Amino acid sequence: MTLDLQTGVRVYQFVADRLDDRRHDQYPDGREEYETDWAAAHDLEKAFAEAVHADEFGTAEHLLQQLRDMAAPWQDHPHHPDNHTDDGRLPDDTAPGSQP
């Protein structure tokens, strides 16, 4: 994954969406866990953006990995960031040499 602002937003948004899904599935329970996890993801994304702006790429890479770790439980989800190309699109399975 590239270390740019769009990458951080894409991973964060995926995590936030999955947390929303989880909150809806657990409703009316799970509010505190949701708020804690959402705040952690939000803080990571903000710190990642600040590190990218400051050209602190080692820090940015570490923070992006933490966001990716938060996304790991949903690895099989079709919108998981690791299942997309660097520009955010799903890989084209019709391209020569692509895996089905």
N, C-alpha and C. Protein backbone atom coordinates (compact mmCIF):
# COMPACT_ATOMS: atom_id res chain seq x y z
N MET A 1 0.84 -1.18 0.00
CA MET A 1 0.00 0.00 0.00
C MET A 1 0.89 1.24 0.00
N THR A 2 0.43 2.24 -0.71
CA THR A 2 1.19 3.49 -0.75
C THR A 2 0.94 4.30 0.52
N LEU A 3 1.90 5.13 0.85
CA LEU A 3 1.78 5.98 2.04
C LEU A 3 1.30 7.36 1.61
N ASP A 4 0.02 7.46 1.30
CA ASP A 4 -0.57 8.75 0.98
C ASP A 4 -1.87 8.91 1.75
N LEU A 5 -2.38 10.13 1.74
CA LEU A 5 -3.58 10.41 2.53
C LEU A 5 -4.77 9.55 2.13
N GLN A 6 -4.92 9.29 0.84
CA GLN A 6 -6.05 8.49 0.37
C GLN A 6 -6.01 7.07 0.92
N THR A 7 -4.82 6.51 1.05
CA THR A 7 -4.69 5.16 1.59
C THR A 7 -5.17 5.12 3.04
N GLY A 8 -4.72 6.08 3.83
CA GLY A 8 -5.16 6.14 5.22
C GLY A 8 -6.66 6.30 5.35
N VAL A 9 -7.23 7.16 4.53
CA VAL A 9 -8.68 7.37 4.56
C VAL A 9 -9.41 6.11 4.13
N ARG A 10 -8.91 5.44 3.10
CA ARG A 10 -9.57 4.23 2.60
C ARG A 10 -9.58 3.14 3.68
N VAL A 11 -8.46 2.92 4.35
CA VAL A 11 -8.41 1.88 5.39
C VAL A 11 -9.28 2.30 6.57
N TYR A 12 -9.17 3.56 6.99
CA TYR A 12 -9.98 4.04 8.10
C TYR A 12 -11.48 3.89 7.78
N GLN A 13 -11.89 4.30 6.58
CA GLN A 13 -13.32 4.24 6.23
C GLN A 13 -13.82 2.81 6.22
N PHE A 14 -12.98 1.89 5.75
CA PHE A 14 -13.36 0.47 5.78
C PHE A 14 -13.59 0.02 7.23
N VAL A 15 -12.65 0.36 8.11
CA VAL A 15 -12.77 -0.03 9.52
C VAL A 15 -14.02 0.61 10.13
N ALA A 16 -14.22 1.89 9.88
CA ALA A 16 -15.39 2.59 10.44
C ALA A 16 -16.69 1.96 9.95
N ASP A 17 -16.74 1.60 8.67
CA ASP A 17 -17.95 0.95 8.13
C ASP A 17 -18.20 -0.40 8.79
N ARG A 18 -17.13 -1.18 9.00
CA ARG A 18 -17.31 -2.48 9.63
C ARG A 18 -17.72 -2.32 11.10
N LEU A 19 -17.17 -1.32 11.76
CA LEU A 19 -17.58 -1.05 13.14
C LEU A 19 -19.06 -0.66 13.19
N ASP A 20 -19.50 0.13 12.22
CA ASP A 20 -20.93 0.47 12.14
C ASP A 20 -21.77 -0.78 11.95
N ASP A 21 -21.32 -1.67 11.06
CA ASP A 21 -22.05 -2.93 10.84
C ASP A 21 -22.14 -3.72 12.14
N ARG A 22 -21.01 -3.82 12.83
CA ARG A 22 -20.99 -4.57 14.09
C ARG A 22 -21.93 -3.94 15.12
N ARG A 23 -21.91 -2.61 15.19
CA ARG A 23 -22.78 -1.92 16.15
C ARG A 23 -24.25 -2.22 15.84
N HIS A 24 -24.61 -2.21 14.56
CA HIS A 24 -26.00 -2.49 14.18
C HIS A 24 -26.36 -3.94 14.52
N ASP A 25 -25.41 -4.85 14.31
CA ASP A 25 -25.67 -6.27 14.62
C ASP A 25 -25.85 -6.50 16.11
N GLN A 26 -25.15 -5.74 16.93
CA GLN A 26 -25.19 -5.93 18.38
C GLN A 26 -26.22 -5.05 19.08
N TYR A 27 -26.87 -4.16 18.34
CA TYR A 27 -27.79 -3.21 18.94
C TYR A 27 -28.82 -3.92 19.79
N PRO A 28 -29.15 -3.45 20.96
CA PRO A 28 -28.75 -2.19 21.59
C PRO A 28 -27.46 -2.29 22.38
N ASP A 29 -26.83 -3.46 22.41
CA ASP A 29 -25.56 -3.61 23.12
C ASP A 29 -24.41 -3.17 22.22
N GLY A 30 -23.24 -3.07 22.79
CA GLY A 30 -22.04 -2.81 22.01
C GLY A 30 -21.68 -1.36 21.78
N ARG A 31 -22.43 -0.44 22.37
CA ARG A 31 -22.17 0.97 22.13
C ARG A 31 -20.80 1.41 22.64
N GLU A 32 -20.44 1.03 23.85
CA GLU A 32 -19.16 1.44 24.43
C GLU A 32 -17.99 0.86 23.64
N GLU A 33 -18.08 -0.40 23.27
CA GLU A 33 -17.02 -1.03 22.47
C GLU A 33 -16.88 -0.31 21.13
N TYR A 34 -18.02 0.00 20.50
CA TYR A 34 -18.00 0.73 19.23
C TYR A 34 -17.30 2.07 19.38
N GLU A 35 -17.69 2.83 20.39
CA GLU A 35 -17.11 4.16 20.59
C GLU A 35 -15.61 4.08 20.84
N THR A 36 -15.18 3.12 21.62
CA THR A 36 -13.75 2.94 21.91
C THR A 36 -12.99 2.58 20.63
N ASP A 37 -13.50 1.61 19.88
CA ASP A 37 -12.82 1.18 18.66
C ASP A 37 -12.85 2.27 17.59
N TRP A 38 -13.98 2.96 17.46
CA TRP A 38 -14.07 4.03 16.47
C TRP A 38 -13.08 5.15 16.80
N ALA A 39 -13.01 5.54 18.07
CA ALA A 39 -12.08 6.60 18.48
C ALA A 39 -10.63 6.18 18.20
N ALA A 40 -10.30 4.93 18.46
CA ALA A 40 -8.94 4.44 18.19
C ALA A 40 -8.62 4.50 16.71
N ALA A 41 -9.55 4.07 15.87
CA ALA A 41 -9.34 4.12 14.42
C ALA A 41 -9.23 5.56 13.94
N HIS A 42 -10.08 6.41 14.45
CA HIS A 42 -10.05 7.83 14.06
C HIS A 42 -8.72 8.47 14.45
N ASP A 43 -8.27 8.20 15.65
CA ASP A 43 -6.99 8.76 16.12
C ASP A 43 -5.83 8.25 15.27
N LEU A 44 -5.86 6.97 14.90
CA LEU A 44 -4.80 6.43 14.05
C LEU A 44 -4.79 7.10 12.68
N GLU A 45 -5.96 7.28 12.11
CA GLU A 45 -6.03 7.91 10.78
C GLU A 45 -5.54 9.34 10.84
N LYS A 46 -5.91 10.06 11.88
CA LYS A 46 -5.47 11.45 12.04
C LYS A 46 -3.96 11.51 12.21
N ALA A 47 -3.41 10.65 13.06
CA ALA A 47 -1.96 10.62 13.28
C ALA A 47 -1.23 10.21 12.00
N PHE A 48 -1.80 9.29 11.24
CA PHE A 48 -1.22 8.88 9.96
C PHE A 48 -1.15 10.08 9.02
N ALA A 49 -2.24 10.82 8.90
CA ALA A 49 -2.27 11.99 8.02
C ALA A 49 -1.23 13.01 8.46
N GLU A 50 -1.10 13.23 9.74
CA GLU A 50 -0.11 14.18 10.25
C GLU A 50 1.31 13.72 9.93
N ALA A 51 1.56 12.42 10.05
CA ALA A 51 2.89 11.88 9.75
C ALA A 51 3.20 12.01 8.26
N VAL A 52 2.21 11.76 7.40
CA VAL A 52 2.41 11.91 5.96
C VAL A 52 2.73 13.36 5.64
N HIS A 53 1.97 14.30 6.19
CA HIS A 53 2.21 15.73 5.95
C HIS A 53 3.60 16.15 6.43
N ALA A 54 4.09 15.53 7.49
CA ALA A 54 5.40 15.88 8.05
C ALA A 54 6.54 15.09 7.39
N ASP A 55 6.21 14.28 6.38
CA ASP A 55 7.21 13.43 5.71
C ASP A 55 7.89 12.47 6.68
N GLU A 56 7.17 12.03 7.70
CA GLU A 56 7.67 11.05 8.66
C GLU A 56 7.15 9.67 8.22
N PHE A 57 7.78 9.15 7.18
CA PHE A 57 7.24 7.96 6.54
C PHE A 57 7.38 6.69 7.38
N GLY A 58 8.38 6.61 8.22
CA GLY A 58 8.49 5.46 9.13
C GLY A 58 7.33 5.43 10.10
N THR A 59 7.02 6.59 10.66
CA THR A 59 5.88 6.70 11.57
C THR A 59 4.58 6.42 10.83
N ALA A 60 4.45 6.99 9.63
CA ALA A 60 3.24 6.79 8.84
C ALA A 60 3.03 5.31 8.53
N GLU A 61 4.11 4.63 8.16
CA GLU A 61 4.01 3.20 7.85
C GLU A 61 3.56 2.42 9.08
N HIS A 62 4.10 2.75 10.24
CA HIS A 62 3.72 2.08 11.48
C HIS A 62 2.24 2.32 11.79
N LEU A 63 1.78 3.54 11.64
CA LEU A 63 0.38 3.87 11.93
C LEU A 63 -0.56 3.21 10.93
N LEU A 64 -0.16 3.17 9.66
CA LEU A 64 -0.98 2.50 8.66
C LEU A 64 -1.08 1.01 8.98
N GLN A 65 0.00 0.41 9.44
CA GLN A 65 -0.04 -1.00 9.80
C GLN A 65 -1.00 -1.23 10.96
N GLN A 66 -1.04 -0.31 11.91
CA GLN A 66 -2.00 -0.44 13.02
C GLN A 66 -3.44 -0.36 12.51
N LEU A 67 -3.70 0.53 11.55
CA LEU A 67 -5.03 0.59 10.96
C LEU A 67 -5.35 -0.71 10.22
N ARG A 68 -4.38 -1.22 9.49
CA ARG A 68 -4.58 -2.48 8.77
C ARG A 68 -4.83 -3.62 9.74
N ASP A 69 -4.17 -3.60 10.89
CA ASP A 69 -4.42 -4.61 11.91
C ASP A 69 -5.86 -4.53 12.41
N MET A 70 -6.37 -3.31 12.51
CA MET A 70 -7.78 -3.16 12.93
C MET A 70 -8.72 -3.72 11.87
N ALA A 71 -8.32 -3.68 10.60
CA ALA A 71 -9.14 -4.18 9.50
C ALA A 71 -9.02 -5.70 9.32
N ALA A 72 -8.01 -6.29 9.93
CA ALA A 72 -7.72 -7.72 9.73
C ALA A 72 -8.89 -8.67 10.02
N PRO A 73 -9.72 -8.42 11.03
CA PRO A 73 -10.82 -9.37 11.28
C PRO A 73 -11.79 -9.51 10.11
N TRP A 74 -11.78 -8.54 9.20
CA TRP A 74 -12.69 -8.56 8.06
C TRP A 74 -11.94 -8.82 6.75
N GLN A 75 -10.84 -9.56 6.83
CA GLN A 75 -9.99 -9.82 5.67
C GLN A 75 -10.77 -10.40 4.49
N ASP A 76 -11.79 -11.20 4.76
CA ASP A 76 -12.55 -11.85 3.69
C ASP A 76 -13.66 -10.97 3.12
N HIS A 77 -13.85 -9.79 3.68
CA HIS A 77 -14.88 -8.88 3.18
C HIS A 77 -14.47 -8.39 1.78
N PRO A 78 -15.41 -8.34 0.84
CA PRO A 78 -15.03 -7.94 -0.53
C PRO A 78 -14.48 -6.52 -0.64
N HIS A 79 -14.76 -5.66 0.30
CA HIS A 79 -14.26 -4.28 0.23
C HIS A 79 -13.01 -4.05 1.08
N HIS A 80 -12.44 -5.12 1.62
CA HIS A 80 -11.23 -4.98 2.44
C HIS A 80 -10.16 -4.27 1.61
N PRO A 81 -9.47 -3.29 2.19
CA PRO A 81 -8.47 -2.52 1.43
C PRO A 81 -7.38 -3.37 0.78
N ASP A 82 -7.02 -4.50 1.35
CA ASP A 82 -6.00 -5.35 0.75
C ASP A 82 -6.50 -6.03 -0.52
N ASN A 83 -7.81 -5.98 -0.74
CA ASN A 83 -8.39 -6.60 -1.94
C ASN A 83 -8.54 -5.60 -3.07
N HIS A 84 -7.94 -4.43 -2.94
CA HIS A 84 -8.03 -3.37 -3.94
C HIS A 84 -6.66 -3.01 -4.48
N THR A 85 -6.66 -2.39 -5.63
CA THR A 85 -5.41 -1.88 -6.20
C THR A 85 -5.03 -0.61 -5.46
N ASP A 86 -3.85 -0.07 -5.74
CA ASP A 86 -3.38 1.13 -5.05
C ASP A 86 -4.28 2.34 -5.30
N ASP A 87 -5.05 2.34 -6.40
CA ASP A 87 -5.93 3.48 -6.64
C ASP A 87 -7.32 3.25 -6.05
N GLY A 88 -7.48 2.15 -5.29
CA GLY A 88 -8.74 1.92 -4.58
C GLY A 88 -9.74 1.06 -5.31
N ARG A 89 -9.45 0.69 -6.55
CA ARG A 89 -10.39 -0.13 -7.31
C ARG A 89 -10.14 -1.61 -7.05
N LEU A 90 -11.19 -2.42 -7.25
CA LEU A 90 -11.03 -3.86 -7.18
C LEU A 90 -10.18 -4.28 -8.37
N PRO A 91 -9.33 -5.29 -8.20
CA PRO A 91 -8.54 -5.77 -9.33
C PRO A 91 -9.44 -6.28 -10.43
N ASP A 92 -9.01 -6.10 -11.67
CA ASP A 92 -9.77 -6.56 -12.83
C ASP A 92 -9.42 -8.03 -13.09
N ASP A 93 -10.34 -8.92 -12.76
CA ASP A 93 -10.09 -10.35 -12.96
C ASP A 93 -10.02 -10.74 -14.42
N THR A 94 -10.43 -9.85 -15.32
CA THR A 94 -10.39 -10.18 -16.73
C THR A 94 -9.05 -9.82 -17.37
N ALA A 95 -8.17 -9.15 -16.64
CA ALA A 95 -6.87 -8.76 -17.17
C ALA A 95 -5.99 -9.99 -17.31
N PRO A 96 -5.21 -10.06 -18.39
CA PRO A 96 -4.31 -11.20 -18.56
C PRO A 96 -3.37 -11.35 -17.36
N GLY A 97 -3.24 -12.57 -16.87
CA GLY A 97 -2.34 -12.84 -15.76
C GLY A 97 -2.94 -12.60 -14.39
N SER A 98 -4.19 -12.14 -14.32
CA SER A 98 -4.80 -11.89 -13.02
C SER A 98 -5.33 -13.19 -12.43
N GLN A 99 -5.41 -13.23 -11.12
CA GLN A 99 -5.94 -14.41 -10.43
C GLN A 99 -7.45 -14.30 -10.36
N PRO A 100 -8.18 -15.37 -10.65
CA PRO A 100 -9.66 -15.31 -10.52
C PRO A 100 -10.10 -15.25 -9.09
